[in-house]
Amino acid sequence: MKPMKPIILTLIGKDKPGLVESLAQKVYSLGGNWLSSNFSYMAGHFAGFVEVDIPEDNHQILIDYLHKHPHLTIHSVSADVDANQKSDIVEIDIMGNDKPGIVQELTSTLSRFNINIVKFESSCQSAPNWGSLLFKAHAIVAIPEGFHLDELSDALENIANDLVVDVDLR
């Protein structure tokens, strides 16, 4: 059996049916295993990333195959995980009137506490009762072991008076 090694692929391009299926078929045909992925459709484009465990000898074959795809821009990196780093996973939900700078203020606060963002999703939605756009964000972050969540909650709530912040330890 060939030694397996994870690879992470970032994909972006004009959307068309069958892109993910084509990638899944190629990964399978090269003896790989699909570990995790996140894909989105935005303004007519497909964007996402996928982590696959595939024989190291087949990494370049997969990358070359994807570079030949006329609709995609590809970036790849080897997946290296620091197994010694200990952290708790925390979910943060933020909601409030949209205004410029919310994401910058949020990420600046997390950075100040040396907190790593594991996943981040945000959107603006019409909020007729509020008279403006409603900003919503959901973040999953890694909190260093021994960190006090109260400090983070206080700092996030101080970002703006009109934001509702919910921090939950998982």
N, C-alpha and C. Protein backbone atom coordinates (compact mmCIF):
# COMPACT_ATOMS: atom_id res chain seq x y z
N MET A 1 0.84 -1.17 0.00
CA MET A 1 0.00 0.00 0.00
C MET A 1 0.89 1.25 0.00
N LYS A 2 0.56 2.20 -0.86
CA LYS A 2 1.32 3.44 -0.97
C LYS A 2 1.05 4.32 0.25
N PRO A 3 2.10 5.06 0.72
CA PRO A 3 1.86 5.98 1.85
C PRO A 3 0.93 7.13 1.44
N MET A 4 -0.05 7.38 2.29
CA MET A 4 -1.03 8.45 2.03
C MET A 4 -0.54 9.74 2.69
N LYS A 5 -0.86 10.87 2.06
CA LYS A 5 -0.53 12.17 2.63
C LYS A 5 -1.63 13.14 2.24
N PRO A 6 -2.15 13.90 3.23
CA PRO A 6 -3.21 14.86 2.93
C PRO A 6 -2.71 16.01 2.06
N ILE A 7 -3.60 16.51 1.23
CA ILE A 7 -3.34 17.70 0.43
C ILE A 7 -4.60 18.56 0.47
N ILE A 8 -4.41 19.86 0.54
CA ILE A 8 -5.55 20.79 0.54
C ILE A 8 -5.54 21.55 -0.77
N LEU A 9 -6.68 21.55 -1.45
CA LEU A 9 -6.83 22.23 -2.73
C LEU A 9 -7.81 23.38 -2.58
N THR A 10 -7.43 24.54 -3.07
CA THR A 10 -8.32 25.69 -3.14
C THR A 10 -8.73 25.84 -4.59
N LEU A 11 -10.02 25.94 -4.83
CA LEU A 11 -10.56 26.00 -6.19
C LEU A 11 -11.43 27.24 -6.34
N ILE A 12 -11.28 27.94 -7.46
CA ILE A 12 -12.17 29.06 -7.75
C ILE A 12 -12.31 29.19 -9.26
N GLY A 13 -13.50 29.49 -9.70
CA GLY A 13 -13.71 29.65 -11.14
C GLY A 13 -15.18 29.82 -11.48
N LYS A 14 -15.44 30.00 -12.75
CA LYS A 14 -16.81 30.13 -13.23
C LYS A 14 -17.54 28.83 -12.95
N ASP A 15 -18.73 28.94 -12.39
CA ASP A 15 -19.48 27.76 -11.99
C ASP A 15 -20.06 27.04 -13.19
N LYS A 16 -20.10 25.72 -13.09
CA LYS A 16 -20.79 24.88 -14.05
C LYS A 16 -21.10 23.56 -13.39
N PRO A 17 -22.19 22.92 -13.76
CA PRO A 17 -22.54 21.64 -13.14
C PRO A 17 -21.44 20.60 -13.35
N GLY A 18 -21.21 19.79 -12.33
CA GLY A 18 -20.28 18.68 -12.44
C GLY A 18 -18.87 18.94 -11.95
N LEU A 19 -18.56 20.15 -11.49
CA LEU A 19 -17.19 20.42 -11.04
C LEU A 19 -16.79 19.55 -9.86
N VAL A 20 -17.62 19.49 -8.83
CA VAL A 20 -17.29 18.71 -7.64
C VAL A 20 -17.28 17.23 -7.97
N GLU A 21 -18.22 16.80 -8.79
CA GLU A 21 -18.28 15.38 -9.18
C GLU A 21 -17.02 14.98 -9.93
N SER A 22 -16.54 15.83 -10.82
CA SER A 22 -15.31 15.57 -11.57
C SER A 22 -14.11 15.43 -10.64
N LEU A 23 -14.03 16.31 -9.66
CA LEU A 23 -12.94 16.25 -8.68
C LEU A 23 -13.05 14.97 -7.84
N ALA A 24 -14.25 14.64 -7.39
CA ALA A 24 -14.46 13.44 -6.57
C ALA A 24 -14.07 12.19 -7.34
N GLN A 25 -14.44 12.11 -8.63
CA GLN A 25 -14.07 10.95 -9.44
C GLN A 25 -12.56 10.82 -9.57
N LYS A 26 -11.87 11.95 -9.79
CA LYS A 26 -10.42 11.90 -9.97
C LYS A 26 -9.73 11.49 -8.67
N VAL A 27 -10.17 12.04 -7.54
CA VAL A 27 -9.59 11.67 -6.25
C VAL A 27 -9.75 10.17 -6.03
N TYR A 28 -10.94 9.65 -6.28
CA TYR A 28 -11.21 8.22 -6.11
C TYR A 28 -10.35 7.38 -7.05
N SER A 29 -10.25 7.80 -8.31
CA SER A 29 -9.48 7.01 -9.29
C SER A 29 -7.99 6.98 -8.96
N LEU A 30 -7.51 7.97 -8.21
CA LEU A 30 -6.10 8.01 -7.81
C LEU A 30 -5.86 7.36 -6.44
N GLY A 31 -6.88 6.68 -5.92
CA GLY A 31 -6.74 5.97 -4.65
C GLY A 31 -6.86 6.86 -3.43
N GLY A 32 -7.51 8.02 -3.62
CA GLY A 32 -7.62 8.97 -2.52
C GLY A 32 -8.90 8.87 -1.74
N ASN A 33 -8.91 9.54 -0.61
CA ASN A 33 -10.07 9.58 0.27
C ASN A 33 -10.42 11.05 0.53
N TRP A 34 -11.66 11.43 0.30
CA TRP A 34 -12.16 12.79 0.51
C TRP A 34 -12.36 12.98 2.01
N LEU A 35 -11.58 13.89 2.65
CA LEU A 35 -11.66 14.07 4.09
C LEU A 35 -12.66 15.16 4.48
N SER A 36 -12.55 16.34 3.88
CA SER A 36 -13.46 17.42 4.22
C SER A 36 -13.45 18.46 3.12
N SER A 37 -14.52 19.27 3.08
CA SER A 37 -14.60 20.28 2.03
C SER A 37 -15.57 21.38 2.44
N ASN A 38 -15.46 22.49 1.73
CA ASN A 38 -16.36 23.61 1.92
C ASN A 38 -16.45 24.33 0.58
N PHE A 39 -17.62 24.35 -0.03
CA PHE A 39 -17.81 24.97 -1.34
C PHE A 39 -18.95 25.97 -1.28
N SER A 40 -18.84 27.01 -2.08
CA SER A 40 -19.89 28.03 -2.13
C SER A 40 -20.07 28.54 -3.55
N TYR A 41 -21.25 29.06 -3.80
CA TYR A 41 -21.58 29.71 -5.06
C TYR A 41 -21.76 31.18 -4.75
N MET A 42 -21.00 32.04 -5.46
CA MET A 42 -21.11 33.48 -5.26
C MET A 42 -21.02 34.18 -6.60
N ALA A 43 -22.06 34.92 -6.94
CA ALA A 43 -22.07 35.77 -8.13
C ALA A 43 -21.60 35.03 -9.39
N GLY A 44 -22.13 33.82 -9.59
CA GLY A 44 -21.80 33.07 -10.79
C GLY A 44 -20.49 32.32 -10.75
N HIS A 45 -19.82 32.36 -9.61
CA HIS A 45 -18.54 31.67 -9.47
C HIS A 45 -18.62 30.61 -8.39
N PHE A 46 -17.79 29.60 -8.55
CA PHE A 46 -17.65 28.50 -7.63
C PHE A 46 -16.36 28.75 -6.84
N ALA A 47 -16.41 28.63 -5.54
CA ALA A 47 -15.22 28.80 -4.72
C ALA A 47 -15.26 27.79 -3.59
N GLY A 48 -14.11 27.27 -3.25
CA GLY A 48 -14.08 26.34 -2.14
C GLY A 48 -12.73 25.70 -1.96
N PHE A 49 -12.70 24.82 -0.98
CA PHE A 49 -11.48 24.08 -0.74
C PHE A 49 -11.85 22.68 -0.28
N VAL A 50 -10.91 21.78 -0.49
CA VAL A 50 -11.12 20.38 -0.14
C VAL A 50 -9.82 19.81 0.38
N GLU A 51 -9.93 18.95 1.40
CA GLU A 51 -8.78 18.22 1.90
C GLU A 51 -8.98 16.76 1.53
N VAL A 52 -8.02 16.20 0.83
CA VAL A 52 -8.08 14.80 0.45
C VAL A 52 -6.82 14.10 0.94
N ASP A 53 -6.98 12.86 1.31
CA ASP A 53 -5.85 12.00 1.68
C ASP A 53 -5.59 11.14 0.46
N ILE A 54 -4.41 11.27 -0.11
CA ILE A 54 -4.12 10.62 -1.38
C ILE A 54 -2.67 10.15 -1.38
N PRO A 55 -2.36 9.04 -2.07
CA PRO A 55 -0.96 8.61 -2.11
C PRO A 55 -0.08 9.78 -2.58
N GLU A 56 1.03 10.00 -1.86
CA GLU A 56 1.89 11.14 -2.15
C GLU A 56 2.36 11.14 -3.60
N ASP A 57 2.57 9.97 -4.17
CA ASP A 57 2.99 9.87 -5.58
C ASP A 57 1.94 10.44 -6.54
N ASN A 58 0.69 10.53 -6.10
CA ASN A 58 -0.39 11.00 -6.97
C ASN A 58 -0.74 12.48 -6.78
N HIS A 59 -0.08 13.16 -5.85
CA HIS A 59 -0.38 14.58 -5.63
C HIS A 59 -0.25 15.38 -6.92
N GLN A 60 0.88 15.25 -7.58
CA GLN A 60 1.12 16.06 -8.78
C GLN A 60 0.18 15.67 -9.92
N ILE A 61 -0.18 14.40 -10.00
CA ILE A 61 -1.13 13.95 -11.03
C ILE A 61 -2.47 14.66 -10.83
N LEU A 62 -2.94 14.73 -9.57
CA LEU A 62 -4.20 15.39 -9.27
C LEU A 62 -4.10 16.89 -9.58
N ILE A 63 -3.02 17.51 -9.17
CA ILE A 63 -2.84 18.95 -9.41
C ILE A 63 -2.80 19.24 -10.91
N ASP A 64 -2.05 18.44 -11.67
CA ASP A 64 -1.97 18.63 -13.13
C ASP A 64 -3.35 18.47 -13.77
N TYR A 65 -4.13 17.49 -13.31
CA TYR A 65 -5.47 17.27 -13.83
C TYR A 65 -6.34 18.51 -13.61
N LEU A 66 -6.28 19.06 -12.41
CA LEU A 66 -7.11 20.22 -12.09
C LEU A 66 -6.66 21.47 -12.84
N HIS A 67 -5.35 21.62 -13.07
CA HIS A 67 -4.86 22.78 -13.82
C HIS A 67 -5.32 22.74 -15.28
N LYS A 68 -5.62 21.56 -15.79
CA LYS A 68 -6.12 21.44 -17.17
C LYS A 68 -7.61 21.79 -17.28
N HIS A 69 -8.27 21.89 -16.14
CA HIS A 69 -9.70 22.22 -16.15
C HIS A 69 -9.84 23.69 -16.57
N PRO A 70 -10.58 23.97 -17.63
CA PRO A 70 -10.61 25.33 -18.18
C PRO A 70 -11.30 26.37 -17.30
N HIS A 71 -12.02 25.95 -16.30
CA HIS A 71 -12.81 26.90 -15.51
C HIS A 71 -12.23 27.21 -14.14
N LEU A 72 -11.14 26.55 -13.75
CA LEU A 72 -10.70 26.65 -12.36
C LEU A 72 -9.30 27.24 -12.21
N THR A 73 -9.10 27.97 -11.15
CA THR A 73 -7.79 28.37 -10.69
C THR A 73 -7.51 27.52 -9.46
N ILE A 74 -6.34 26.90 -9.40
CA ILE A 74 -6.03 25.93 -8.36
C ILE A 74 -4.84 26.39 -7.55
N HIS A 75 -4.91 26.15 -6.25
CA HIS A 75 -3.77 26.33 -5.36
C HIS A 75 -3.75 25.10 -4.46
N SER A 76 -2.58 24.55 -4.21
CA SER A 76 -2.51 23.37 -3.36
C SER A 76 -1.41 23.53 -2.32
N VAL A 77 -1.63 22.92 -1.17
CA VAL A 77 -0.63 22.88 -0.10
C VAL A 77 -0.71 21.52 0.58
N SER A 78 0.43 21.07 1.10
CA SER A 78 0.43 19.85 1.90
C SER A 78 -0.18 20.17 3.25
N ALA A 79 -0.95 19.26 3.77
CA ALA A 79 -1.61 19.46 5.06
C ALA A 79 -0.68 19.01 6.16
N ASP A 80 -0.29 19.95 7.01
CA ASP A 80 0.54 19.65 8.17
C ASP A 80 -0.22 20.09 9.41
N VAL A 81 -0.49 19.15 10.31
CA VAL A 81 -1.25 19.44 11.51
C VAL A 81 -0.33 19.33 12.71
N ASP A 82 -0.35 20.35 13.57
CA ASP A 82 0.43 20.33 14.80
C ASP A 82 -0.39 19.63 15.87
N ALA A 83 -0.08 18.36 16.10
CA ALA A 83 -0.86 17.56 17.04
C ALA A 83 -0.61 17.97 18.49
N ASN A 84 0.47 18.72 18.75
CA ASN A 84 0.79 19.11 20.12
C ASN A 84 0.05 20.37 20.56
N GLN A 85 -0.52 21.12 19.64
CA GLN A 85 -1.21 22.35 19.98
C GLN A 85 -2.57 22.02 20.58
N LYS A 86 -2.80 22.46 21.82
CA LYS A 86 -4.06 22.17 22.50
C LYS A 86 -4.91 23.43 22.54
N SER A 87 -6.18 23.26 22.24
CA SER A 87 -7.10 24.40 22.28
C SER A 87 -8.52 23.90 22.42
N ASP A 88 -9.37 24.81 22.88
CA ASP A 88 -10.80 24.55 22.93
C ASP A 88 -11.44 25.19 21.71
N ILE A 89 -12.52 24.61 21.23
CA ILE A 89 -13.25 25.17 20.09
C ILE A 89 -14.44 25.95 20.64
N VAL A 90 -14.56 27.19 20.18
CA VAL A 90 -15.62 28.08 20.64
C VAL A 90 -16.38 28.60 19.43
N GLU A 91 -17.70 28.69 19.56
CA GLU A 91 -18.53 29.26 18.50
C GLU A 91 -18.97 30.65 18.91
N ILE A 92 -18.88 31.58 17.95
CA ILE A 92 -19.27 32.96 18.19
C ILE A 92 -20.31 33.34 17.15
N ASP A 93 -21.44 33.87 17.61
CA ASP A 93 -22.47 34.38 16.72
C ASP A 93 -22.61 35.87 16.97
N ILE A 94 -22.63 36.64 15.88
CA ILE A 94 -22.76 38.09 15.96
C ILE A 94 -23.87 38.52 15.03
N MET A 95 -24.70 39.45 15.50
CA MET A 95 -25.80 39.96 14.69
C MET A 95 -26.03 41.42 15.05
N GLY A 96 -26.32 42.23 14.03
CA GLY A 96 -26.64 43.63 14.29
C GLY A 96 -26.75 44.43 13.01
N ASN A 97 -27.04 45.72 13.16
CA ASN A 97 -27.12 46.59 11.99
C ASN A 97 -25.80 46.56 11.24
N ASP A 98 -25.87 46.45 9.93
CA ASP A 98 -24.65 46.43 9.13
C ASP A 98 -24.01 47.81 9.12
N LYS A 99 -22.70 47.82 9.14
CA LYS A 99 -21.92 49.05 9.03
C LYS A 99 -20.52 48.66 8.58
N PRO A 100 -19.81 49.54 7.92
CA PRO A 100 -18.44 49.23 7.51
C PRO A 100 -17.57 48.95 8.74
N GLY A 101 -16.72 47.94 8.64
CA GLY A 101 -15.73 47.68 9.68
C GLY A 101 -16.04 46.61 10.69
N ILE A 102 -17.22 46.00 10.63
CA ILE A 102 -17.56 44.98 11.63
C ILE A 102 -16.57 43.82 11.57
N VAL A 103 -16.31 43.30 10.39
CA VAL A 103 -15.41 42.14 10.27
C VAL A 103 -14.00 42.54 10.70
N GLN A 104 -13.57 43.73 10.33
CA GLN A 104 -12.23 44.19 10.73
C GLN A 104 -12.15 44.28 12.25
N GLU A 105 -13.16 44.84 12.89
CA GLU A 105 -13.16 44.95 14.36
C GLU A 105 -13.18 43.58 15.03
N LEU A 106 -13.98 42.67 14.49
CA LEU A 106 -14.06 41.31 15.02
C LEU A 106 -12.71 40.60 14.91
N THR A 107 -12.14 40.61 13.72
CA THR A 107 -10.88 39.89 13.51
C THR A 107 -9.73 40.54 14.28
N SER A 108 -9.76 41.85 14.42
CA SER A 108 -8.74 42.55 15.20
C SER A 108 -8.82 42.14 16.67
N THR A 109 -10.03 42.02 17.19
CA THR A 109 -10.21 41.60 18.59
C THR A 109 -9.70 40.18 18.78
N LEU A 110 -10.05 39.27 17.87
CA LEU A 110 -9.58 37.89 17.98
C LEU A 110 -8.05 37.83 17.89
N SER A 111 -7.48 38.60 16.98
CA SER A 111 -6.03 38.62 16.82
C SER A 111 -5.34 39.14 18.08
N ARG A 112 -5.93 40.16 18.70
CA ARG A 112 -5.35 40.74 19.92
C ARG A 112 -5.19 39.68 21.01
N PHE A 113 -6.12 38.71 21.05
CA PHE A 113 -6.05 37.63 22.04
C PHE A 113 -5.34 36.38 21.51
N ASN A 114 -4.75 36.50 20.32
CA ASN A 114 -4.03 35.38 19.68
C ASN A 114 -4.96 34.17 19.48
N ILE A 115 -6.18 34.45 19.02
CA ILE A 115 -7.18 33.41 18.79
C ILE A 115 -7.24 33.12 17.29
N ASN A 116 -7.19 31.85 16.95
CA ASN A 116 -7.19 31.43 15.55
C ASN A 116 -8.62 31.17 15.06
N ILE A 117 -8.96 31.73 13.89
CA ILE A 117 -10.26 31.48 13.28
C ILE A 117 -10.19 30.17 12.51
N VAL A 118 -11.05 29.23 12.87
CA VAL A 118 -11.12 27.93 12.21
C VAL A 118 -12.09 27.98 11.04
N LYS A 119 -13.20 28.69 11.25
CA LYS A 119 -14.21 28.83 10.19
C LYS A 119 -14.94 30.15 10.41
N PHE A 120 -15.26 30.83 9.30
CA PHE A 120 -15.95 32.11 9.41
C PHE A 120 -16.94 32.23 8.27
N GLU A 121 -18.18 32.54 8.59
CA GLU A 121 -19.23 32.76 7.60
C GLU A 121 -19.94 34.05 7.97
N SER A 122 -20.25 34.86 6.96
CA SER A 122 -20.98 36.09 7.23
C SER A 122 -21.92 36.40 6.07
N SER A 123 -22.94 37.21 6.37
CA SER A 123 -23.87 37.63 5.33
C SER A 123 -24.57 38.90 5.78
N CYS A 124 -25.12 39.61 4.81
CA CYS A 124 -25.98 40.76 5.07
C CYS A 124 -27.34 40.43 4.49
N GLN A 125 -28.38 40.68 5.27
CA GLN A 125 -29.74 40.38 4.84
C GLN A 125 -30.62 41.59 5.09
N SER A 126 -31.63 41.68 4.27
CA SER A 126 -32.60 42.75 4.44
C SER A 126 -33.33 42.56 5.76
N ALA A 127 -33.47 43.64 6.51
CA ALA A 127 -34.16 43.60 7.80
C ALA A 127 -35.18 44.74 7.84
N PRO A 128 -36.35 44.54 7.25
CA PRO A 128 -37.34 45.61 7.15
C PRO A 128 -37.69 46.25 8.48
N ASN A 129 -37.76 45.47 9.53
CA ASN A 129 -38.11 46.02 10.85
C ASN A 129 -37.01 46.88 11.44
N TRP A 130 -35.78 46.70 10.96
CA TRP A 130 -34.64 47.44 11.49
C TRP A 130 -34.36 48.68 10.65
N GLY A 131 -34.90 48.73 9.44
CA GLY A 131 -34.68 49.88 8.56
C GLY A 131 -33.34 49.89 7.87
N SER A 132 -32.60 48.80 7.94
CA SER A 132 -31.30 48.71 7.28
C SER A 132 -30.95 47.25 7.05
N LEU A 133 -29.75 47.02 6.54
CA LEU A 133 -29.28 45.65 6.38
C LEU A 133 -28.89 45.07 7.74
N LEU A 134 -29.12 43.78 7.88
CA LEU A 134 -28.76 43.07 9.10
C LEU A 134 -27.50 42.25 8.82
N PHE A 135 -26.44 42.48 9.59
CA PHE A 135 -25.20 41.72 9.45
C PHE A 135 -25.25 40.54 10.40
N LYS A 136 -24.91 39.36 9.86
CA LYS A 136 -24.83 38.15 10.68
C LYS A 136 -23.50 37.48 10.41
N ALA A 137 -22.86 36.99 11.45
CA ALA A 137 -21.61 36.24 11.31
C ALA A 137 -21.61 35.08 12.28
N HIS A 138 -20.99 34.01 11.85
CA HIS A 138 -20.79 32.83 12.69
C HIS A 138 -19.33 32.45 12.55
N ALA A 139 -18.63 32.40 13.67
CA ALA A 139 -17.22 32.04 13.66
C ALA A 139 -16.99 30.86 14.58
N ILE A 140 -16.13 29.99 14.15
CA ILE A 140 -15.63 28.92 15.01
C ILE A 140 -14.15 29.23 15.21
N VAL A 141 -13.75 29.34 16.47
CA VAL A 141 -12.38 29.75 16.77
C VAL A 141 -11.74 28.76 17.74
N ALA A 142 -10.41 28.72 17.70
CA ALA A 142 -9.64 27.88 18.61
C ALA A 142 -9.08 28.77 19.72
N ILE A 143 -9.48 28.49 20.94
CA ILE A 143 -9.06 29.25 22.11
C ILE A 143 -7.92 28.50 22.79
N PRO A 144 -6.79 29.19 23.03
CA PRO A 144 -5.68 28.52 23.72
C PRO A 144 -6.12 27.96 25.07
N GLU A 145 -5.55 26.83 25.44
CA GLU A 145 -5.88 26.19 26.71
C GLU A 145 -5.64 27.17 27.86
N GLY A 146 -6.61 27.26 28.77
CA GLY A 146 -6.48 28.13 29.93
C GLY A 146 -6.96 29.56 29.72
N PHE A 147 -7.40 29.89 28.51
CA PHE A 147 -7.88 31.24 28.21
C PHE A 147 -9.24 31.44 28.85
N HIS A 148 -9.49 32.64 29.39
CA HIS A 148 -10.77 32.94 30.04
C HIS A 148 -11.73 33.56 29.02
N LEU A 149 -12.85 32.87 28.78
CA LEU A 149 -13.82 33.32 27.79
C LEU A 149 -14.48 34.64 28.15
N ASP A 150 -14.57 34.97 29.43
CA ASP A 150 -15.19 36.23 29.82
C ASP A 150 -14.47 37.42 29.20
N GLU A 151 -13.14 37.35 29.13
CA GLU A 151 -12.37 38.43 28.51
C GLU A 151 -12.76 38.61 27.05
N LEU A 152 -12.90 37.49 26.35
CA LEU A 152 -13.27 37.54 24.94
C LEU A 152 -14.69 38.08 24.77
N SER A 153 -15.62 37.59 25.57
CA SER A 153 -17.01 38.06 25.48
C SER A 153 -17.09 39.56 25.70
N ASP A 154 -16.41 40.05 26.72
CA ASP A 154 -16.42 41.49 27.01
C ASP A 154 -15.85 42.29 25.85
N ALA A 155 -14.73 41.84 25.32
CA ALA A 155 -14.08 42.56 24.22
C ALA A 155 -14.97 42.59 22.97
N LEU A 156 -15.62 41.46 22.67
CA LEU A 156 -16.49 41.41 21.49
C LEU A 156 -17.72 42.27 21.68
N GLU A 157 -18.28 42.28 22.86
CA GLU A 157 -19.46 43.10 23.11
C GLU A 157 -19.13 44.59 23.07
N ASN A 158 -17.88 44.94 23.29
CA ASN A 158 -17.46 46.34 23.24
C ASN A 158 -17.20 46.82 21.81
N ILE A 159 -17.25 45.91 20.83
CA ILE A 159 -17.02 46.31 19.44
C ILE A 159 -18.01 47.39 19.02
N ALA A 160 -19.27 47.16 19.33
CA ALA A 160 -20.31 48.14 18.97
C ALA A 160 -21.52 47.93 19.86
N ASN A 161 -22.19 48.99 20.15
CA ASN A 161 -23.37 48.91 21.03
C ASN A 161 -24.52 48.16 20.39
N ASP A 162 -24.64 48.19 19.07
CA ASP A 162 -25.81 47.61 18.42
C ASP A 162 -25.59 46.19 17.93
N LEU A 163 -24.53 45.53 18.38
CA LEU A 163 -24.29 44.13 18.02
C LEU A 163 -24.67 43.22 19.17
N VAL A 164 -25.25 42.08 18.83
CA VAL A 164 -25.54 41.06 19.81
C VAL A 164 -24.49 39.96 19.61
N VAL A 165 -23.76 39.62 20.66
CA VAL A 165 -22.69 38.65 20.57
C VAL A 165 -23.03 37.46 21.48
N ASP A 166 -22.89 36.26 20.95
CA ASP A 166 -23.12 35.04 21.72
C ASP A 166 -21.88 34.17 21.58
N VAL A 167 -21.23 33.82 22.70
CA VAL A 167 -20.01 33.01 22.68
C VAL A 167 -20.33 31.73 23.43
N ASP A 168 -20.16 30.58 22.74
CA ASP A 168 -20.45 29.28 23.34
C ASP A 168 -19.26 28.34 23.21
N LEU A 169 -18.84 27.76 24.34
CA LEU A 169 -17.78 26.76 24.34
C LEU A 169 -18.40 25.43 23.92
N ARG A 170 -17.73 24.76 22.99
CA ARG A 170 -18.22 23.46 22.53
C ARG A 170 -17.44 22.38 23.20
